[in-house]
């Protein structure tokens, strides 16, 4: 049990380091839309503080916005992993204390 606790603590430390390295991020999904006259444009849609938002994105900014959205997805994945590890760690420590 002590070995698993140590392993979980190491995994949490790794997750924290990866979170620190994320950089710029923003929630949402980036999509290509078509106007009625056939012109294409990009739009970022996301929810924040319970409200939906839509932003138009210039074509030259699409790669940067895509990286930010991908970084946010990485953040969410790492956050879920940390929570799962933290729950497991707490349960193990409670068991150990009994």
N, C-alpha and C. Protein backbone atom coordinates (compact mmCIF):
# COMPACT_ATOMS: atom_id res chain seq x y z
N UNK A 1 0.84 -1.20 0.00
CA UNK A 1 0.00 0.00 0.00
C UNK A 1 0.88 1.26 0.00
N UNK A 2 1.97 1.22 0.75
CA UNK A 2 2.87 2.38 0.79
C UNK A 2 3.48 2.65 -0.59
N UNK A 3 3.77 1.57 -1.32
CA UNK A 3 4.35 1.72 -2.66
C UNK A 3 3.34 2.39 -3.60
N UNK A 4 2.07 2.01 -3.49
CA UNK A 4 1.04 2.61 -4.35
C UNK A 4 0.85 4.08 -3.99
N UNK A 5 0.89 4.41 -2.72
CA UNK A 5 0.77 5.82 -2.30
C UNK A 5 1.91 6.64 -2.90
N UNK A 6 3.11 6.10 -2.83
CA UNK A 6 4.27 6.81 -3.39
C UNK A 6 4.12 6.98 -4.90
N UNK A 7 3.65 5.94 -5.57
CA UNK A 7 3.46 5.99 -7.02
C UNK A 7 2.42 7.05 -7.40
N UNK A 8 1.33 7.11 -6.64
CA UNK A 8 0.29 8.10 -6.91
C UNK A 8 0.84 9.51 -6.70
N UNK A 9 1.58 9.71 -5.62
CA UNK A 9 2.16 11.03 -5.35
C UNK A 9 3.10 11.45 -6.47
N UNK A 10 3.86 10.50 -7.01
CA UNK A 10 4.75 10.80 -8.14
C UNK A 10 3.95 11.15 -9.39
N UNK A 11 2.87 10.41 -9.63
CA UNK A 11 2.01 10.71 -10.79
C UNK A 11 1.39 12.10 -10.66
N UNK A 12 0.95 12.45 -9.47
CA UNK A 12 0.37 13.78 -9.25
C UNK A 12 1.42 14.86 -9.49
N UNK A 13 2.64 14.65 -9.04
CA UNK A 13 3.72 15.61 -9.28
C UNK A 13 3.98 15.78 -10.78
N UNK A 14 3.92 14.68 -11.52
CA UNK A 14 4.11 14.75 -12.98
C UNK A 14 2.97 15.54 -13.64
N UNK A 15 1.75 15.29 -13.20
CA UNK A 15 0.60 16.01 -13.74
C UNK A 15 0.75 17.51 -13.48
N UNK A 16 1.19 17.87 -12.28
CA UNK A 16 1.39 19.29 -11.95
C UNK A 16 2.42 19.93 -12.87
N UNK A 17 3.51 19.22 -13.14
CA UNK A 17 4.54 19.75 -14.03
C UNK A 17 3.99 19.94 -15.44
N UNK A 18 3.21 18.99 -15.91
CA UNK A 18 2.62 19.11 -17.25
C UNK A 18 1.62 20.26 -17.30
N UNK A 19 0.89 20.49 -16.22
CA UNK A 19 -0.04 21.62 -16.18
C UNK A 19 0.71 22.95 -16.26
N UNK A 20 1.84 23.03 -15.59
CA UNK A 20 2.62 24.28 -15.62
C UNK A 20 3.14 24.59 -17.01
N UNK A 21 3.32 23.56 -17.83
CA UNK A 21 3.89 23.75 -19.16
C UNK A 21 2.86 24.04 -20.24
N UNK A 22 1.60 24.10 -19.89
CA UNK A 22 0.55 24.23 -20.91
C UNK A 22 0.62 25.55 -21.67
N UNK A 23 0.77 26.66 -21.00
CA UNK A 23 0.79 27.95 -21.71
C UNK A 23 -0.60 28.47 -22.00
N UNK A 24 -0.73 29.20 -23.09
CA UNK A 24 -2.01 29.82 -23.45
C UNK A 24 -3.06 28.76 -23.75
N UNK A 25 -4.27 28.99 -23.25
CA UNK A 25 -5.36 28.06 -23.53
C UNK A 25 -6.68 28.79 -23.53
N UNK A 26 -7.63 28.21 -24.22
CA UNK A 26 -8.99 28.74 -24.21
C UNK A 26 -9.96 27.61 -24.50
N UNK A 27 -11.14 27.68 -23.88
CA UNK A 27 -12.12 26.62 -24.11
C UNK A 27 -12.79 26.79 -25.46
N UNK A 28 -13.48 25.76 -25.88
CA UNK A 28 -14.32 25.88 -27.06
C UNK A 28 -13.97 24.95 -28.18
N UNK A 29 -14.68 25.16 -29.27
CA UNK A 29 -14.41 24.41 -30.48
C UNK A 29 -14.34 25.39 -31.64
N UNK A 30 -13.40 25.12 -32.50
CA UNK A 30 -13.16 25.97 -33.66
C UNK A 30 -13.75 25.27 -34.88
N UNK A 31 -14.57 25.98 -35.62
CA UNK A 31 -15.18 25.36 -36.79
C UNK A 31 -15.17 26.32 -37.97
N UNK A 32 -15.24 25.72 -39.15
CA UNK A 32 -15.31 26.49 -40.38
C UNK A 32 -16.78 26.61 -40.75
N UNK A 33 -17.21 27.81 -41.04
CA UNK A 33 -18.61 28.07 -41.38
C UNK A 33 -18.68 28.63 -42.80
N UNK A 34 -19.86 28.52 -43.38
CA UNK A 34 -20.05 29.02 -44.74
C UNK A 34 -21.20 30.02 -44.74
N UNK A 35 -20.93 31.19 -45.26
CA UNK A 35 -21.98 32.21 -45.38
C UNK A 35 -22.91 31.84 -46.54
N UNK A 36 -24.04 32.48 -46.58
CA UNK A 36 -25.03 32.18 -47.62
C UNK A 36 -24.47 32.44 -49.02
N UNK A 37 -23.53 33.39 -49.13
CA UNK A 37 -22.95 33.70 -50.44
C UNK A 37 -21.73 32.83 -50.74
N UNK A 38 -21.46 31.84 -49.88
CA UNK A 38 -20.38 30.90 -50.15
C UNK A 38 -19.06 31.22 -49.49
N UNK A 39 -18.91 32.40 -48.91
CA UNK A 39 -17.65 32.77 -48.27
C UNK A 39 -17.44 31.93 -47.01
N UNK A 40 -16.22 31.50 -46.77
CA UNK A 40 -15.89 30.71 -45.59
C UNK A 40 -15.30 31.59 -44.50
N UNK A 41 -15.60 31.23 -43.27
CA UNK A 41 -15.00 31.93 -42.13
C UNK A 41 -14.88 30.94 -40.97
N UNK A 42 -14.08 31.30 -39.98
CA UNK A 42 -13.88 30.45 -38.80
C UNK A 42 -14.56 31.08 -37.60
N UNK A 43 -15.06 30.20 -36.74
CA UNK A 43 -15.76 30.67 -35.55
C UNK A 43 -15.37 29.80 -34.36
N UNK A 44 -15.17 30.46 -33.24
CA UNK A 44 -14.88 29.79 -31.98
C UNK A 44 -16.12 29.88 -31.11
N UNK A 45 -16.62 28.73 -30.65
CA UNK A 45 -17.80 28.71 -29.78
C UNK A 45 -17.42 28.07 -28.46
N UNK A 46 -17.87 28.70 -27.37
CA UNK A 46 -17.55 28.17 -26.05
C UNK A 46 -18.54 28.69 -25.02
N UNK A 47 -18.55 28.05 -23.86
CA UNK A 47 -19.36 28.50 -22.73
C UNK A 47 -18.43 28.98 -21.63
N UNK A 48 -18.81 30.07 -20.99
CA UNK A 48 -18.02 30.61 -19.87
C UNK A 48 -18.98 31.28 -18.90
N UNK A 49 -18.86 30.91 -17.63
CA UNK A 49 -19.75 31.44 -16.59
C UNK A 49 -21.22 31.24 -16.94
N UNK A 50 -21.51 30.08 -17.51
CA UNK A 50 -22.89 29.74 -17.81
C UNK A 50 -23.48 30.41 -19.05
N UNK A 51 -22.66 31.13 -19.79
CA UNK A 51 -23.15 31.81 -20.99
C UNK A 51 -22.40 31.31 -22.21
N UNK A 52 -23.13 31.19 -23.32
CA UNK A 52 -22.52 30.79 -24.58
C UNK A 52 -21.90 32.00 -25.27
N UNK A 53 -20.76 31.78 -25.91
CA UNK A 53 -20.06 32.84 -26.62
C UNK A 53 -19.63 32.34 -27.99
N UNK A 54 -19.61 33.24 -28.94
CA UNK A 54 -19.12 32.94 -30.28
C UNK A 54 -18.21 34.08 -30.71
N UNK A 55 -17.04 33.72 -31.21
CA UNK A 55 -16.10 34.73 -31.70
C UNK A 55 -15.70 34.35 -33.12
N UNK A 56 -15.59 35.35 -33.95
CA UNK A 56 -15.07 35.12 -35.29
C UNK A 56 -13.55 35.15 -35.21
N UNK A 57 -12.91 34.27 -35.98
CA UNK A 57 -11.45 34.16 -35.93
C UNK A 57 -10.90 34.40 -37.33
N UNK A 58 -9.96 35.31 -37.42
CA UNK A 58 -9.33 35.58 -38.72
C UNK A 58 -8.52 34.35 -39.15
N UNK A 59 -8.48 34.13 -40.44
CA UNK A 59 -7.82 32.95 -40.99
C UNK A 59 -6.37 32.85 -40.53
N UNK A 60 -5.67 33.97 -40.45
CA UNK A 60 -4.26 33.93 -40.06
C UNK A 60 -4.08 33.57 -38.58
N UNK A 61 -5.14 33.71 -37.77
CA UNK A 61 -5.06 33.38 -36.35
C UNK A 61 -5.54 31.96 -36.03
N UNK A 62 -6.06 31.27 -37.03
CA UNK A 62 -6.61 29.92 -36.81
C UNK A 62 -5.59 28.97 -36.19
N UNK A 63 -4.34 28.89 -36.68
CA UNK A 63 -3.38 27.96 -36.06
C UNK A 63 -3.15 28.25 -34.57
N UNK A 64 -3.04 29.51 -34.19
CA UNK A 64 -2.81 29.88 -32.79
C UNK A 64 -4.03 29.53 -31.94
N UNK A 65 -5.23 29.82 -32.43
CA UNK A 65 -6.45 29.51 -31.69
C UNK A 65 -6.62 28.00 -31.56
N UNK A 66 -6.28 27.26 -32.61
CA UNK A 66 -6.37 25.80 -32.55
C UNK A 66 -5.43 25.25 -31.48
N UNK A 67 -4.22 25.80 -31.38
CA UNK A 67 -3.28 25.38 -30.33
C UNK A 67 -3.83 25.69 -28.94
N UNK A 68 -4.46 26.85 -28.79
CA UNK A 68 -5.04 27.23 -27.50
C UNK A 68 -6.17 26.30 -27.10
N UNK A 69 -7.01 25.94 -28.06
CA UNK A 69 -8.13 25.02 -27.79
C UNK A 69 -7.59 23.63 -27.44
N UNK A 70 -6.56 23.18 -28.17
CA UNK A 70 -5.94 21.89 -27.86
C UNK A 70 -5.31 21.91 -26.48
N UNK A 71 -4.69 23.03 -26.12
CA UNK A 71 -4.08 23.16 -24.79
C UNK A 71 -5.15 23.08 -23.70
N UNK A 72 -6.31 23.67 -23.96
CA UNK A 72 -7.39 23.60 -22.98
C UNK A 72 -7.88 22.17 -22.82
N UNK A 73 -7.97 21.42 -23.91
CA UNK A 73 -8.38 20.01 -23.81
C UNK A 73 -7.35 19.21 -23.01
N UNK A 74 -6.07 19.51 -23.21
CA UNK A 74 -5.02 18.86 -22.43
C UNK A 74 -5.18 19.20 -20.96
N UNK A 75 -5.47 20.47 -20.67
CA UNK A 75 -5.70 20.90 -19.29
C UNK A 75 -6.84 20.10 -18.66
N UNK A 76 -7.95 19.96 -19.37
CA UNK A 76 -9.10 19.22 -18.84
C UNK A 76 -8.74 17.76 -18.57
N UNK A 77 -8.00 17.15 -19.50
CA UNK A 77 -7.59 15.76 -19.34
C UNK A 77 -6.69 15.60 -18.11
N UNK A 78 -5.72 16.50 -17.96
CA UNK A 78 -4.82 16.44 -16.81
C UNK A 78 -5.56 16.70 -15.51
N UNK A 79 -6.52 17.61 -15.54
CA UNK A 79 -7.32 17.91 -14.36
C UNK A 79 -8.12 16.68 -13.92
N UNK A 80 -8.73 15.99 -14.89
CA UNK A 80 -9.48 14.77 -14.58
C UNK A 80 -8.55 13.71 -13.97
N UNK A 81 -7.37 13.58 -14.55
CA UNK A 81 -6.42 12.59 -14.05
C UNK A 81 -6.01 12.92 -12.61
N UNK A 82 -5.73 14.20 -12.34
CA UNK A 82 -5.32 14.61 -11.00
C UNK A 82 -6.44 14.31 -9.99
N UNK A 83 -7.67 14.63 -10.36
CA UNK A 83 -8.79 14.36 -9.45
C UNK A 83 -8.92 12.88 -9.15
N UNK A 84 -8.80 12.05 -10.16
CA UNK A 84 -8.90 10.60 -9.95
C UNK A 84 -7.79 10.10 -9.05
N UNK A 85 -6.57 10.57 -9.30
CA UNK A 85 -5.44 10.17 -8.46
C UNK A 85 -5.62 10.66 -7.03
N UNK A 86 -6.10 11.88 -6.87
CA UNK A 86 -6.29 12.45 -5.53
C UNK A 86 -7.34 11.65 -4.74
N UNK A 87 -8.39 11.25 -5.41
CA UNK A 87 -9.43 10.44 -4.75
C UNK A 87 -8.84 9.11 -4.31
N UNK A 88 -8.11 8.46 -5.21
CA UNK A 88 -7.50 7.17 -4.88
C UNK A 88 -6.51 7.33 -3.73
N UNK A 89 -5.72 8.38 -3.76
CA UNK A 89 -4.74 8.63 -2.71
C UNK A 89 -5.42 8.83 -1.35
N UNK A 90 -6.46 9.62 -1.33
CA UNK A 90 -7.18 9.86 -0.07
C UNK A 90 -7.78 8.58 0.49
N UNK A 91 -8.35 7.76 -0.39
CA UNK A 91 -8.93 6.50 0.06
C UNK A 91 -7.86 5.58 0.65
N UNK A 92 -6.70 5.52 0.00
CA UNK A 92 -5.62 4.68 0.50
C UNK A 92 -5.11 5.17 1.85
N UNK A 93 -5.01 6.48 2.00
CA UNK A 93 -4.53 7.03 3.27
C UNK A 93 -5.51 6.79 4.40
N UNK A 94 -6.81 6.82 4.09
CA UNK A 94 -7.83 6.52 5.10
C UNK A 94 -7.73 5.05 5.51
N UNK A 95 -7.57 4.17 4.52
CA UNK A 95 -7.41 2.75 4.81
C UNK A 95 -6.19 2.49 5.68
N UNK A 96 -5.13 3.17 5.36
CA UNK A 96 -3.87 3.00 6.09
C UNK A 96 -4.00 3.49 7.53
N UNK A 97 -4.79 4.53 7.74
CA UNK A 97 -4.96 5.09 9.06
C UNK A 97 -5.81 4.21 9.97
N UNK A 98 -6.61 3.33 9.40
CA UNK A 98 -7.50 2.47 10.21
C UNK A 98 -6.74 1.44 10.98
